[in-house]
Amino acid sequence: MKISKKYFVCLLYTLVLGFVLAPEKIFPVFLIQSKSLILTGVIVVSGILAFRYFVLKDLDTQNLKNKEKDIFSSKIISNLPFYIFLKTLDGKIQVTNQMHAKLFNMNASELEGMNVFNLYKDIDSSIKEDKIILQNKKYNISERCVNTINGSLGWCRIVKTPVLDKNGNITSIAVAFINIDNEKNLQDSKDTFIANITHDLKTPTIAQIRALEMLLENTYGSMTDEQKEIVSQIKESCEYMYSLVRTILETYRFDNGQTKITYSVFDLSKLVTETISEISSLAEEKGQNIIFKSGLLSDFVNADEVLIKRVIMNLISNAITYGFKNTDIIVSTNDNDTTMTLQVLNKSKYIPEAELKEVYNKFKTSSNTKFAKAGAGLGLYLSKQIVEAHKGKIFATSNQDNTCIFGFSIPKATANTGSVISDSCNHIIDCKKQESETV
């Protein structure tokens, strides 16, 4: 029967300890004759040496494994295709890779022990990022220009991760960053393309709408009712095109973090009433009646008035498009001390649960519509982006009785008045012309 090495060591250790504490009980035969004392001593010494051998062998094996892990980890860090280092909370570099060390014409071992505040210019941005990590104990991702004492690295994506001890306290911060100038240049090209194409589409469309309005106003002479009907239909098509171009542009800006949220206090009930008035003609064509019910304790909300109007317009337009003819569309609002909720109820075909979960995703439309409209799927997606930018929630429900509700809720007030969600326009600025920043 094969005995495990650990069991053998424990047994041997027990015998040695037992001999030291109670020799007459463990080795009574050896102790009867004095000549056996030498043999007893040999057994004790052998046991101690054997115990020491196996323990040290275990330690050596463990140390070897740890050393292999360290070598393995070191090789991974050294061969990573981006700059990386581990720093203490006061900025001292503990570990780094050779790619990072080359920025300063050093070896990794030479750079270790130096302070990042002496290697990078202007530490303000880095300190702000570190404070966020210390507060949240979570990783932080940022994009900014990075400048070292040897020059600019251009635009970089920086990832900082806290290293915690067994008590959950942050002991150091791991920093990794990589140059993303090519991404920024590509983004600039996309921005220019979108700006040009939307301008080329919007400008003539606006001119067409204005010319058609003048015709309807009999500026160039009177028209028959049939002629006015045809001109009105053309004007509506142009307005739809203009709205579609705006939706595409706004969606692109939100997706790329280029939209600024401009907070202001405004009358929500008044805004809903104005929006219904502007879109009511579409409902009248289908014999639908839009009813507004306000249950607000206070009509005033702190948000971006233009963007919130866009959401309300999209939700009501969606209710008109997919709603049954000759039915009521009910727009209702209510609030509590902290939150305002708006919902739009209509009568339309039941939306299966699987489709309902994706209704606010980009280019997702309900199977209820017989013909897909150009641009369908962007309006609700944009609405979701706007609501979430206000730190709110958007929702949708559909019942078997053909009652559907689309709506959203947002905080009535926010401490970030006038704040910017994200502004990627700065990406086109030459990093070398910006103030120096640090990792």
Protein backbone atom coordinates (compact mmCIF):
# COMPACT_ATOMS: atom_id res chain seq x y z
CA MET A 1 0.00 0.00 0.00
CA LYS A 2 1.48 3.30 -1.13
CA ILE A 3 1.52 5.99 1.56
CA SER A 4 1.32 9.63 0.54
CA LYS A 5 4.44 11.70 1.21
CA LYS A 6 2.46 14.14 3.32
CA TYR A 7 1.03 11.34 5.49
CA PHE A 8 4.51 9.91 5.91
CA VAL A 9 5.89 13.30 6.99
CA CYS A 10 3.05 13.77 9.46
CA LEU A 11 3.56 10.28 10.92
CA LEU A 12 7.30 10.77 11.23
CA TYR A 13 6.84 14.20 12.80
CA THR A 14 4.36 12.72 15.31
CA LEU A 15 6.81 10.00 16.32
CA VAL A 16 9.67 12.48 16.80
CA LEU A 17 7.46 14.85 18.79
CA GLY A 18 6.15 11.96 20.84
CA PHE A 19 9.67 10.79 21.65
CA VAL A 20 10.67 14.25 22.80
CA LEU A 21 7.59 14.64 25.01
CA ALA A 22 7.10 11.03 26.24
CA PRO A 23 9.99 8.76 25.23
CA GLU A 24 9.13 5.99 27.69
CA LYS A 25 5.78 5.41 26.00
CA ILE A 26 6.97 5.49 22.39
CA PHE A 27 10.23 3.54 22.64
CA PRO A 28 10.09 1.48 25.88
CA VAL A 29 12.33 -1.29 24.49
CA PHE A 30 15.13 1.07 23.52
CA LEU A 31 15.06 2.80 26.87
CA ILE A 32 15.40 -0.39 28.93
CA GLN A 33 19.01 -0.80 27.99
CA SER A 34 21.37 2.17 28.05
CA LYS A 35 23.15 0.82 24.97
CA SER A 36 20.03 1.52 22.99
CA LEU A 37 20.26 5.25 23.65
CA ILE A 38 22.64 5.67 20.75
CA LEU A 39 20.24 3.89 18.40
CA THR A 40 17.38 6.00 19.77
CA GLY A 41 19.35 9.16 19.11
CA VAL A 42 20.06 8.04 15.57
CA ILE A 43 16.33 7.47 14.99
CA VAL A 44 15.48 10.93 16.35
CA VAL A 45 18.14 12.67 14.29
CA SER A 46 17.17 10.73 11.16
CA GLY A 47 13.54 11.61 11.70
CA ILE A 48 14.34 15.31 12.06
CA LEU A 49 16.55 15.27 8.96
CA ALA A 50 13.90 13.41 6.96
CA PHE A 51 11.23 15.84 8.08
CA ARG A 52 13.42 18.79 7.16
CA TYR A 53 14.20 17.25 3.76
CA PHE A 54 10.57 16.74 2.78
CA VAL A 55 9.47 20.16 4.07
CA LEU A 56 12.27 21.98 2.25
CA LYS A 57 11.58 19.95 -0.88
CA ASP A 58 7.94 21.06 -0.76
CA LEU A 59 9.02 24.66 -0.28
CA ASP A 60 11.50 24.42 -3.15
CA THR A 61 8.81 22.96 -5.39
CA GLN A 62 6.39 25.74 -4.44
CA ASN A 63 9.05 28.41 -4.93
CA LEU A 64 9.86 26.92 -8.32
CA LYS A 65 6.21 27.06 -9.33
CA ASN A 66 5.94 30.66 -8.12
CA LYS A 67 9.11 31.52 -9.99
CA GLU A 68 7.75 29.92 -13.15
CA LYS A 69 4.54 31.92 -12.73
CA ASP A 70 6.52 35.13 -12.29
CA ILE A 71 8.58 34.38 -15.40
CA PHE A 72 5.41 33.55 -17.32
CA SER A 73 3.71 36.76 -16.14
CA SER A 74 6.82 38.78 -16.90
CA LYS A 75 6.97 37.42 -20.45
CA ILE A 76 3.29 38.24 -21.00
CA ILE A 77 3.77 41.82 -19.79
CA SER A 78 6.94 42.25 -21.85
CA ASN A 79 5.29 41.09 -25.07
CA LEU A 80 2.00 42.95 -24.78
CA PRO A 81 1.52 45.29 -27.79
CA PHE A 82 0.86 48.38 -25.67
CA TYR A 83 2.46 50.45 -22.94
CA ILE A 84 1.85 49.06 -19.48
CA PHE A 85 3.07 49.62 -15.94
CA LEU A 86 2.04 49.16 -12.32
CA LYS A 87 2.36 52.18 -10.05
CA THR A 88 1.90 52.86 -6.36
CA LEU A 89 -0.67 55.38 -5.20
CA ASP A 90 2.03 58.04 -5.01
CA GLY A 91 3.13 57.37 -8.61
CA LYS A 92 6.17 55.12 -8.15
CA ILE A 93 6.56 52.55 -10.95
CA GLN A 94 6.73 49.00 -9.59
CA VAL A 95 6.64 46.95 -12.79
CA THR A 96 6.67 47.94 -16.47
CA ASN A 97 7.28 46.44 -19.89
CA GLN A 98 10.06 47.16 -22.36
CA MET A 99 7.73 48.93 -24.80
CA HIS A 100 6.95 51.51 -22.14
CA ALA A 101 10.59 51.81 -21.07
CA LYS A 102 11.68 52.59 -24.65
CA LEU A 103 9.68 55.82 -24.50
CA PHE A 104 12.35 57.08 -22.12
CA ASN A 105 15.33 55.30 -23.74
CA MET A 106 15.69 52.95 -20.77
CA ASN A 107 15.41 49.32 -19.88
CA ALA A 108 12.38 48.16 -17.91
CA SER A 109 14.53 47.53 -14.82
CA GLU A 110 15.92 51.08 -14.98
CA LEU A 111 12.45 52.62 -15.20
CA GLU A 112 11.14 50.67 -12.22
CA GLY A 113 11.35 52.76 -9.08
CA MET A 114 10.97 56.09 -10.90
CA ASN A 115 7.93 58.32 -10.42
CA VAL A 116 5.50 58.83 -13.31
CA PHE A 117 5.06 62.45 -12.28
CA ASN A 118 8.66 63.04 -13.36
CA LEU A 119 8.16 61.26 -16.70
CA TYR A 120 4.93 62.80 -17.97
CA LYS A 121 3.98 66.45 -18.31
CA ASP A 122 1.05 68.00 -16.44
CA ILE A 123 -0.35 65.48 -13.99
CA ASP A 124 -3.80 67.03 -13.54
CA SER A 125 -5.66 64.61 -15.82
CA SER A 126 -3.94 61.60 -14.29
CA ILE A 127 -4.76 62.72 -10.74
CA LYS A 128 -8.44 63.17 -11.65
CA GLU A 129 -8.57 59.66 -13.13
CA ASP A 130 -6.87 58.20 -10.06
CA LYS A 131 -9.37 59.91 -7.76
CA ILE A 132 -12.25 58.31 -9.69
CA ILE A 133 -10.62 54.88 -9.25
CA LEU A 134 -10.04 55.44 -5.52
CA GLN A 135 -13.69 56.42 -5.09
CA ASN A 136 -15.28 53.67 -7.18
CA LYS A 137 -12.66 50.89 -6.90
CA LYS A 138 -13.39 50.10 -10.55
CA TYR A 139 -11.44 50.40 -13.76
CA ASN A 140 -11.51 53.65 -15.73
CA ILE A 141 -11.18 54.17 -19.49
CA SER A 142 -10.31 57.53 -21.02
CA GLU A 143 -9.08 58.94 -24.32
CA ARG A 144 -6.75 61.92 -24.42
CA CYS A 145 -3.46 63.23 -25.70
CA VAL A 146 -0.43 61.97 -23.82
CA ASN A 147 2.87 63.86 -23.64
CA THR A 148 6.07 62.59 -22.04
CA ILE A 149 9.25 64.47 -21.21
CA ASN A 150 10.54 63.22 -24.59
CA GLY A 151 7.60 64.37 -26.70
CA SER A 152 3.97 63.69 -27.66
CA LEU A 153 2.48 60.22 -28.09
CA GLY A 154 -0.64 61.60 -29.76
CA TRP A 155 -4.13 60.36 -28.92
CA CYS A 156 -4.16 57.37 -26.58
CA ARG A 157 -6.79 55.13 -25.05
CA ILE A 158 -5.89 54.69 -21.36
CA VAL A 159 -7.17 51.91 -19.12
CA LYS A 160 -6.51 52.11 -15.39
CA THR A 161 -7.37 49.23 -13.05
CA PRO A 162 -7.10 49.19 -9.25
CA VAL A 163 -5.15 46.40 -7.52
CA LEU A 164 -6.78 45.40 -4.23
CA ASP A 165 -5.41 43.57 -1.20
CA LYS A 166 -7.29 40.85 0.69
CA ASN A 167 -9.11 43.54 2.70
CA GLY A 168 -10.38 45.27 -0.42
CA ASN A 169 -8.05 48.26 -0.12
CA ILE A 170 -6.34 49.67 -3.19
CA THR A 171 -2.59 49.14 -3.01
CA SER A 172 -1.59 50.13 -6.54
CA ILE A 173 -2.96 51.00 -9.99
CA ALA A 174 -2.26 49.12 -13.23
CA VAL A 175 -2.04 51.41 -16.25
CA ALA A 176 -2.16 50.37 -19.91
CA PHE A 177 -2.44 52.64 -22.93
CA ILE A 178 -2.12 52.50 -26.71
CA ASN A 179 -1.96 55.04 -29.51
CA ILE A 180 -5.25 55.51 -31.38
CA ASP A 181 -4.34 58.26 -33.85
CA ASN A 182 -5.44 56.09 -36.78
CA GLU A 183 -8.86 55.59 -35.18
CA LYS A 184 -9.21 59.32 -34.64
CA ASN A 185 -8.23 60.11 -38.22
CA LEU A 186 -10.79 57.60 -39.47
CA GLN A 187 -13.39 59.11 -37.16
CA ASP A 188 -12.60 62.58 -38.50
CA SER A 189 -13.12 61.32 -42.05
CA LYS A 190 -16.49 59.84 -41.07
CA ASP A 191 -17.52 63.09 -39.37
CA THR A 192 -16.63 65.10 -42.46
CA PHE A 193 -18.52 62.70 -44.72
CA ILE A 194 -21.67 62.77 -42.58
CA ALA A 195 -21.52 66.56 -42.27
CA ASN A 196 -21.20 66.99 -46.05
CA ILE A 197 -23.89 64.51 -47.03
CA THR A 198 -26.43 65.82 -44.52
CA HIS A 199 -25.73 69.39 -45.62
CA ASP A 200 -26.14 68.44 -49.28
CA LEU A 201 -29.46 66.75 -48.49
CA LYS A 202 -30.88 69.27 -46.03
CA THR A 203 -30.21 72.46 -47.98
CA PRO A 204 -32.15 71.61 -51.16
CA THR A 205 -34.91 69.93 -49.10
CA ILE A 206 -35.47 73.08 -47.07
CA ALA A 207 -35.57 75.12 -50.27
CA GLN A 208 -38.16 72.77 -51.75
CA ILE A 209 -40.35 72.97 -48.64
CA ARG A 210 -40.23 76.76 -48.67
CA ALA A 211 -41.09 76.92 -52.39
CA LEU A 212 -44.05 74.56 -51.92
CA GLU A 213 -45.28 76.65 -48.97
CA MET A 214 -45.24 79.73 -51.19
CA LEU A 215 -47.30 77.87 -53.81
CA LEU A 216 -49.85 76.85 -51.18
CA GLU A 217 -50.04 80.48 -50.02
CA ASN A 218 -50.95 81.49 -53.60
CA THR A 219 -47.83 83.64 -53.85
CA TYR A 220 -47.61 82.95 -57.60
CA GLY A 221 -51.30 82.75 -58.26
CA SER A 222 -54.25 80.68 -57.14
CA MET A 223 -54.51 76.92 -57.57
CA THR A 224 -57.38 74.50 -57.75
CA ASP A 225 -58.15 72.22 -54.83
CA GLU A 226 -56.70 69.22 -56.70
CA GLN A 227 -53.49 71.11 -57.39
CA LYS A 228 -53.23 72.14 -53.73
CA GLU A 229 -53.73 68.51 -52.67
CA ILE A 230 -50.87 67.36 -54.93
CA VAL A 231 -48.57 70.16 -53.73
CA SER A 232 -49.43 69.36 -50.11
CA GLN A 233 -48.49 65.72 -50.61
CA ILE A 234 -45.18 66.73 -52.20
CA LYS A 235 -44.52 69.09 -49.28
CA GLU A 236 -45.22 66.30 -46.77
CA SER A 237 -42.77 64.03 -48.59
CA CYS A 238 -40.10 66.74 -48.44
CA GLU A 239 -40.76 67.27 -44.74
CA TYR A 240 -40.42 63.54 -44.17
CA MET A 241 -37.09 63.57 -46.02
CA TYR A 242 -35.90 66.49 -43.90
CA SER A 243 -36.96 64.70 -40.71
CA LEU A 244 -35.21 61.53 -41.84
CA VAL A 245 -31.94 63.38 -42.52
CA ARG A 246 -32.12 64.97 -39.07
CA THR A 247 -32.74 61.58 -37.45
CA ILE A 248 -29.78 60.00 -39.23
CA LEU A 249 -27.50 62.88 -38.25
CA GLU A 250 -28.62 62.92 -34.60
CA THR A 251 -28.30 59.14 -34.33
CA TYR A 252 -24.77 59.29 -35.71
CA ARG A 253 -23.83 62.01 -33.25
CA PHE A 254 -25.18 60.07 -30.28
CA ASP A 255 -23.42 56.89 -31.37
CA ASN A 256 -20.14 58.77 -31.55
CA GLY A 257 -20.55 60.75 -28.35
CA GLN A 258 -20.80 64.11 -30.10
CA THR A 259 -24.03 65.34 -28.56
CA LYS A 260 -24.03 67.94 -25.83
CA ILE A 261 -26.86 67.88 -23.33
CA THR A 262 -27.99 71.44 -22.62
CA TYR A 263 -30.06 71.42 -19.44
CA SER A 264 -32.73 74.02 -18.79
CA VAL A 265 -35.92 74.23 -16.75
CA PHE A 266 -39.01 74.20 -18.97
CA ASP A 267 -42.76 73.53 -18.84
CA LEU A 268 -43.24 69.91 -19.89
CA SER A 269 -47.02 70.15 -20.30
CA LYS A 270 -46.58 73.10 -22.65
CA LEU A 271 -43.97 71.17 -24.64
CA VAL A 272 -46.26 68.13 -24.98
CA THR A 273 -49.15 70.35 -26.12
CA GLU A 274 -46.96 72.03 -28.76
CA THR A 275 -45.70 68.68 -30.03
CA ILE A 276 -49.20 67.26 -30.33
CA SER A 277 -50.29 70.35 -32.25
CA GLU A 278 -47.43 69.96 -34.73
CA ILE A 279 -48.10 66.28 -35.43
CA SER A 280 -51.89 66.17 -35.14
CA SER A 281 -52.38 66.46 -38.92
CA LEU A 282 -50.82 63.01 -39.36
CA ALA A 283 -53.27 61.55 -36.86
CA GLU A 284 -56.25 63.22 -38.53
CA GLU A 285 -55.45 61.45 -41.80
CA LYS A 286 -56.09 58.12 -40.03
CA GLY A 287 -59.05 59.40 -38.04
CA GLN A 288 -57.06 59.20 -34.81
CA ASN A 289 -57.61 61.53 -31.88
CA ILE A 290 -54.67 62.51 -29.63
CA ILE A 291 -55.67 63.13 -26.00
CA PHE A 292 -53.30 64.66 -23.45
CA LYS A 293 -53.76 63.90 -19.74
CA SER A 294 -51.40 65.60 -17.31
CA GLY A 295 -51.01 64.25 -13.80
CA LEU A 296 -47.92 66.28 -12.95
CA LEU A 297 -47.52 67.75 -9.50
CA SER A 298 -45.21 70.27 -11.11
CA ASP A 299 -45.10 71.05 -14.82
CA PHE A 300 -41.42 71.98 -14.74
CA VAL A 301 -38.56 69.60 -15.46
CA ASN A 302 -34.80 70.12 -15.81
CA ALA A 303 -33.60 68.52 -19.08
CA ASP A 304 -32.66 69.28 -22.67
CA GLU A 305 -35.89 70.71 -24.07
CA VAL A 306 -35.01 70.17 -27.75
CA LEU A 307 -33.98 66.54 -27.28
CA ILE A 308 -36.91 65.66 -25.01
CA LYS A 309 -39.27 67.12 -27.61
CA ARG A 310 -37.60 64.85 -30.15
CA VAL A 311 -38.37 61.82 -27.96
CA ILE A 312 -42.01 62.84 -27.48
CA MET A 313 -42.37 63.44 -31.22
CA ASN A 314 -40.91 60.01 -32.02
CA LEU A 315 -43.17 58.19 -29.55
CA ILE A 316 -46.35 59.89 -30.76
CA SER A 317 -45.34 59.42 -34.40
CA ASN A 318 -44.77 55.74 -33.71
CA ALA A 319 -48.23 55.48 -32.11
CA ILE A 320 -49.82 57.13 -35.16
CA THR A 321 -47.94 54.98 -37.68
CA TYR A 322 -48.73 51.61 -36.09
CA GLY A 323 -52.04 52.49 -34.42
CA PHE A 324 -55.43 51.40 -35.72
CA LYS A 325 -57.53 53.90 -37.65
CA ASN A 326 -60.28 55.81 -35.84
CA THR A 327 -58.83 55.21 -32.36
CA ASP A 328 -57.61 57.39 -29.52
CA ILE A 329 -53.97 57.97 -28.70
CA ILE A 330 -53.54 58.95 -25.06
CA VAL A 331 -50.44 60.87 -23.96
CA SER A 332 -50.17 61.01 -20.17
CA THR A 333 -47.65 62.38 -17.70
CA ASN A 334 -47.14 61.90 -13.98
CA ASP A 335 -44.38 62.47 -11.48
CA ASN A 336 -43.15 62.13 -7.93
CA ASP A 337 -40.54 64.05 -5.95
CA THR A 338 -37.64 62.88 -8.13
CA THR A 339 -38.92 61.37 -11.38
CA MET A 340 -41.11 62.42 -14.30
CA THR A 341 -42.79 59.79 -16.50
CA LEU A 342 -44.44 60.20 -19.90
CA GLN A 343 -46.23 57.42 -21.75
CA VAL A 344 -48.09 57.10 -25.03
CA LEU A 345 -50.93 54.57 -25.22
CA ASN A 346 -52.53 53.45 -28.47
CA LYS A 347 -54.52 50.62 -29.98
CA SER A 348 -52.39 48.48 -32.30
CA LYS A 349 -51.55 44.87 -33.00
CA TYR A 350 -50.02 42.84 -30.19
CA ILE A 351 -46.21 42.84 -30.23
CA PRO A 352 -44.67 39.50 -29.17
CA GLU A 353 -42.39 39.62 -26.13
CA ALA A 354 -39.32 38.67 -28.18
CA GLU A 355 -39.84 41.62 -30.55
CA LEU A 356 -40.72 43.99 -27.72
CA LYS A 357 -37.31 43.47 -26.12
CA GLU A 358 -35.60 44.68 -29.29
CA VAL A 359 -37.98 47.43 -30.35
CA TYR A 360 -35.58 50.18 -29.19
CA ASN A 361 -32.57 48.64 -30.95
CA LYS A 362 -31.17 50.19 -34.11
CA PHE A 363 -33.00 49.22 -37.32
CA LYS A 364 -35.45 47.02 -35.42
CA THR A 365 -39.09 47.26 -36.45
CA SER A 366 -42.21 45.42 -35.45
CA SER A 367 -43.56 42.69 -37.72
CA ASN A 368 -46.92 44.48 -37.48
CA THR A 369 -46.07 46.86 -40.28
CA LYS A 370 -46.87 45.61 -43.76
CA PHE A 371 -44.37 47.82 -45.53
CA ALA A 372 -41.05 48.93 -44.06
CA LYS A 373 -40.63 52.70 -44.06
CA ALA A 374 -37.28 54.20 -44.96
CA GLY A 375 -35.42 54.99 -41.80
CA ALA A 376 -37.75 52.89 -39.63
CA GLY A 377 -36.01 51.70 -36.52
CA LEU A 378 -33.90 54.82 -36.02
CA GLY A 379 -36.49 57.01 -34.30
CA LEU A 380 -37.03 54.75 -31.28
CA TYR A 381 -33.34 53.93 -31.12
CA LEU A 382 -32.49 57.64 -30.99
CA SER A 383 -35.16 58.14 -28.32
CA LYS A 384 -33.52 55.50 -26.17
CA GLN A 385 -30.13 57.18 -26.58
CA ILE A 386 -31.56 60.56 -25.55
CA VAL A 387 -33.40 59.19 -22.50
CA GLU A 388 -30.38 57.22 -21.27
CA ALA A 389 -28.21 60.30 -21.77
CA HIS A 390 -30.53 61.99 -19.26
CA LYS A 391 -29.94 59.04 -16.89
CA GLY A 392 -33.51 57.89 -17.45
CA LYS A 393 -35.24 54.71 -18.58
CA ILE A 394 -37.33 53.96 -21.65
CA PHE A 395 -39.95 51.19 -21.74
CA ALA A 396 -42.54 49.46 -23.90
CA THR A 397 -45.43 47.10 -23.15
CA SER A 398 -47.95 45.30 -25.35
CA ASN A 399 -51.09 43.48 -24.22
CA GLN A 400 -53.30 40.87 -25.81
CA ASP A 401 -56.17 43.38 -25.87
CA ASN A 402 -54.17 45.33 -28.51
CA THR A 403 -53.16 48.05 -26.08
CA CYS A 404 -49.57 49.22 -26.45
CA ILE A 405 -47.68 51.66 -24.24
CA PHE A 406 -44.37 53.31 -25.10
CA GLY A 407 -42.83 55.78 -22.68
CA PHE A 408 -39.91 56.99 -20.62
CA SER A 409 -38.98 58.37 -17.23
CA ILE A 410 -36.21 60.83 -16.38
CA PRO A 411 -35.03 62.62 -13.23
CA LYS A 412 -36.90 65.88 -12.69
CA ALA A 413 -33.64 67.63 -11.78
CA THR A 414 -29.95 66.83 -12.03
CA ALA A 415 -26.81 68.19 -10.45
CA ASN A 416 -25.06 68.02 -13.81
CA THR A 417 -26.83 71.00 -15.30
CA GLY A 418 -25.06 72.07 -18.45
CA SER A 419 -22.82 69.04 -18.39
CA VAL A 420 -21.51 67.31 -21.46
CA ILE A 421 -22.23 63.61 -21.91
CA SER A 422 -19.39 63.21 -24.34
CA ASP A 423 -17.78 65.50 -26.83
CA SER A 424 -15.68 63.79 -29.43
CA CYS A 425 -15.31 66.97 -31.48
CA ASN A 426 -12.05 67.55 -29.65
CA HIS A 427 -10.67 64.55 -31.50
CA ILE A 428 -9.90 66.66 -34.55
CA ILE A 429 -7.65 68.97 -32.53
CA ASP A 430 -3.94 68.41 -33.02
CA CYS A 431 -2.59 66.84 -29.83
CA LYS A 432 0.66 68.71 -30.14
CA LYS A 433 -1.22 71.98 -29.81
CA GLN A 434 -3.00 70.89 -26.66
CA GLU A 435 -1.76 71.30 -23.15
CA SER A 436 0.45 68.44 -22.09
CA GLU A 437 -1.17 65.65 -20.15
CA THR A 438 0.08 62.62 -18.33
CA VAL A 439 -0.70 59.02 -17.66
